[in-house]
Structure formats: C-alpha cells, structure tokens
Amino acid sequence: FLFIIWESLISKRQVIYPMQLNSSIEWLQNTPPAEHSYSELPILTNF
C-alpha cells in the first residue's frame, strides 16, 4: 500500500488532458436552468 502511494507521488506521468479548461458556457447558464436552456446553440470559447 505504501509503495503505491509513494510511486504515485514521485512518478512523472504525462497528463492525459492538459487543456482541461472550462468553457464560457457556465457563465451563460442561469440558475436554476430553464426547461430548455437555450433557444439556439451558444458558441463555445475556451479561456
């Protein structure tokens, strides 16, 4: 068990998804969302 923890901390593995940035769609969504959130599909942009 300790070996698994130690190996996970010291290993230099490559990140599978390095660009896990949120899109701007979270800022367009009202809370709580309506039954149909958008009348047309929004344009997604990454920041």
N, C-alpha and C. Protein backbone atom coordinates (compact mmCIF):
# COMPACT_ATOMS: atom_id res chain seq x y z
N PHE A 1 0.82 -1.20 0.00
CA PHE A 1 0.00 0.00 0.00
C PHE A 1 0.87 1.26 0.00
N LEU A 2 1.85 1.30 0.85
CA LEU A 2 2.73 2.47 0.90
C LEU A 2 3.51 2.65 -0.40
N PHE A 3 3.88 1.55 -1.02
CA PHE A 3 4.58 1.64 -2.30
C PHE A 3 3.70 2.30 -3.36
N ILE A 4 2.44 1.98 -3.39
CA ILE A 4 1.52 2.57 -4.37
C ILE A 4 1.43 4.08 -4.16
N ILE A 5 1.31 4.51 -2.93
CA ILE A 5 1.24 5.95 -2.65
C ILE A 5 2.55 6.63 -3.02
N TRP A 6 3.67 6.02 -2.61
CA TRP A 6 4.99 6.59 -2.91
C TRP A 6 5.21 6.70 -4.42
N GLU A 7 4.89 5.66 -5.14
CA GLU A 7 5.08 5.65 -6.60
C GLU A 7 4.19 6.69 -7.27
N SER A 8 2.98 6.89 -6.78
CA SER A 8 2.10 7.88 -7.38
C SER A 8 2.58 9.31 -7.12
N LEU A 9 3.26 9.52 -6.01
CA LEU A 9 3.76 10.86 -5.70
C LEU A 9 5.04 11.21 -6.46
N ILE A 10 5.90 10.23 -6.71
CA ILE A 10 7.19 10.55 -7.33
C ILE A 10 7.21 10.34 -8.84
N SER A 11 6.20 9.66 -9.38
CA SER A 11 6.22 9.40 -10.83
C SER A 11 5.93 10.68 -11.60
N LYS A 12 6.56 10.80 -12.75
CA LYS A 12 6.39 11.98 -13.62
C LYS A 12 5.59 11.56 -14.85
N ARG A 13 4.34 11.22 -14.63
CA ARG A 13 3.50 10.78 -15.74
C ARG A 13 2.98 11.98 -16.52
N GLN A 14 2.77 11.74 -17.80
CA GLN A 14 2.23 12.78 -18.66
C GLN A 14 0.73 12.94 -18.39
N VAL A 15 0.27 14.16 -18.39
CA VAL A 15 -1.14 14.44 -18.17
C VAL A 15 -1.91 14.05 -19.43
N ILE A 16 -3.01 13.34 -19.25
CA ILE A 16 -3.79 12.87 -20.40
C ILE A 16 -4.47 14.04 -21.10
N TYR A 17 -5.12 14.91 -20.35
CA TYR A 17 -5.82 16.06 -20.91
C TYR A 17 -5.23 17.33 -20.32
N PRO A 18 -4.18 17.87 -20.92
CA PRO A 18 -3.54 19.05 -20.32
C PRO A 18 -4.38 20.32 -20.43
N MET A 19 -5.34 20.36 -21.35
CA MET A 19 -6.15 21.57 -21.53
C MET A 19 -7.56 21.34 -20.98
N GLN A 20 -7.67 21.08 -19.70
CA GLN A 20 -8.98 20.87 -19.10
C GLN A 20 -9.54 22.19 -18.60
N LEU A 21 -9.56 23.16 -19.46
CA LEU A 21 -10.08 24.47 -19.10
C LEU A 21 -11.59 24.50 -19.29
N ASN A 22 -12.25 25.21 -18.44
CA ASN A 22 -13.69 25.35 -18.57
C ASN A 22 -14.03 26.23 -19.76
N SER A 23 -15.13 25.93 -20.38
CA SER A 23 -15.60 26.77 -21.47
C SER A 23 -16.40 27.93 -20.88
N SER A 24 -16.79 28.84 -21.72
CA SER A 24 -17.51 30.02 -21.25
C SER A 24 -19.00 29.75 -21.04
N ILE A 25 -19.46 28.53 -21.30
CA ILE A 25 -20.89 28.25 -21.23
C ILE A 25 -21.42 28.32 -19.79
N GLU A 26 -20.56 28.13 -18.79
CA GLU A 26 -21.02 28.22 -17.41
C GLU A 26 -21.51 29.62 -17.08
N TRP A 27 -20.93 30.62 -17.71
CA TRP A 27 -21.30 32.00 -17.42
C TRP A 27 -22.60 32.39 -18.12
N LEU A 28 -23.01 31.64 -19.12
CA LEU A 28 -24.25 31.95 -19.84
C LEU A 28 -25.47 31.28 -19.23
N GLN A 29 -25.26 30.26 -18.41
CA GLN A 29 -26.35 29.46 -17.86
C GLN A 29 -26.96 30.16 -16.64
N ASN A 30 -28.27 30.30 -16.64
CA ASN A 30 -28.97 30.84 -15.47
C ASN A 30 -29.11 29.76 -14.42
N THR A 31 -29.32 30.18 -13.17
CA THR A 31 -29.51 29.22 -12.10
C THR A 31 -30.86 29.44 -11.47
N PRO A 32 -31.71 28.50 -11.37
CA PRO A 32 -31.66 27.18 -11.97
C PRO A 32 -31.94 27.25 -13.47
N PRO A 33 -31.46 26.28 -14.23
CA PRO A 33 -31.67 26.32 -15.68
C PRO A 33 -33.14 26.14 -16.05
N ALA A 34 -33.52 26.75 -17.14
CA ALA A 34 -34.89 26.62 -17.63
C ALA A 34 -35.10 25.23 -18.21
N GLU A 35 -36.35 24.92 -18.58
CA GLU A 35 -36.64 23.61 -19.15
C GLU A 35 -35.84 23.39 -20.43
N HIS A 36 -35.81 24.39 -21.28
CA HIS A 36 -34.95 24.38 -22.46
C HIS A 36 -33.98 25.54 -22.28
N SER A 37 -32.74 25.23 -22.03
CA SER A 37 -31.78 26.24 -21.61
C SER A 37 -31.51 27.30 -22.67
N TYR A 38 -31.38 26.89 -23.93
CA TYR A 38 -31.00 27.83 -24.99
C TYR A 38 -31.96 27.69 -26.16
N SER A 39 -32.35 28.83 -26.74
CA SER A 39 -33.19 28.77 -27.93
C SER A 39 -32.36 28.39 -29.16
N GLU A 40 -31.06 28.68 -29.13
CA GLU A 40 -30.13 28.22 -30.16
C GLU A 40 -28.81 27.89 -29.48
N LEU A 41 -28.00 27.09 -30.13
CA LEU A 41 -26.75 26.64 -29.51
C LEU A 41 -25.77 27.80 -29.35
N PRO A 42 -25.18 27.95 -28.17
CA PRO A 42 -24.21 29.02 -27.97
C PRO A 42 -22.85 28.67 -28.58
N ILE A 43 -22.06 29.69 -28.85
CA ILE A 43 -20.70 29.50 -29.35
C ILE A 43 -19.80 29.26 -28.15
N LEU A 44 -19.04 28.17 -28.17
CA LEU A 44 -18.15 27.84 -27.06
C LEU A 44 -16.77 28.42 -27.30
N THR A 45 -16.22 29.05 -26.27
CA THR A 45 -14.85 29.56 -26.33
C THR A 45 -14.13 29.12 -25.07
N ASN A 46 -12.85 28.82 -25.19
CA ASN A 46 -12.03 28.47 -24.03
C ASN A 46 -11.21 29.66 -23.61
N PHE A 47 -11.06 29.81 -22.31
CA PHE A 47 -10.26 30.89 -21.76
C PHE A 47 -8.99 30.34 -21.20
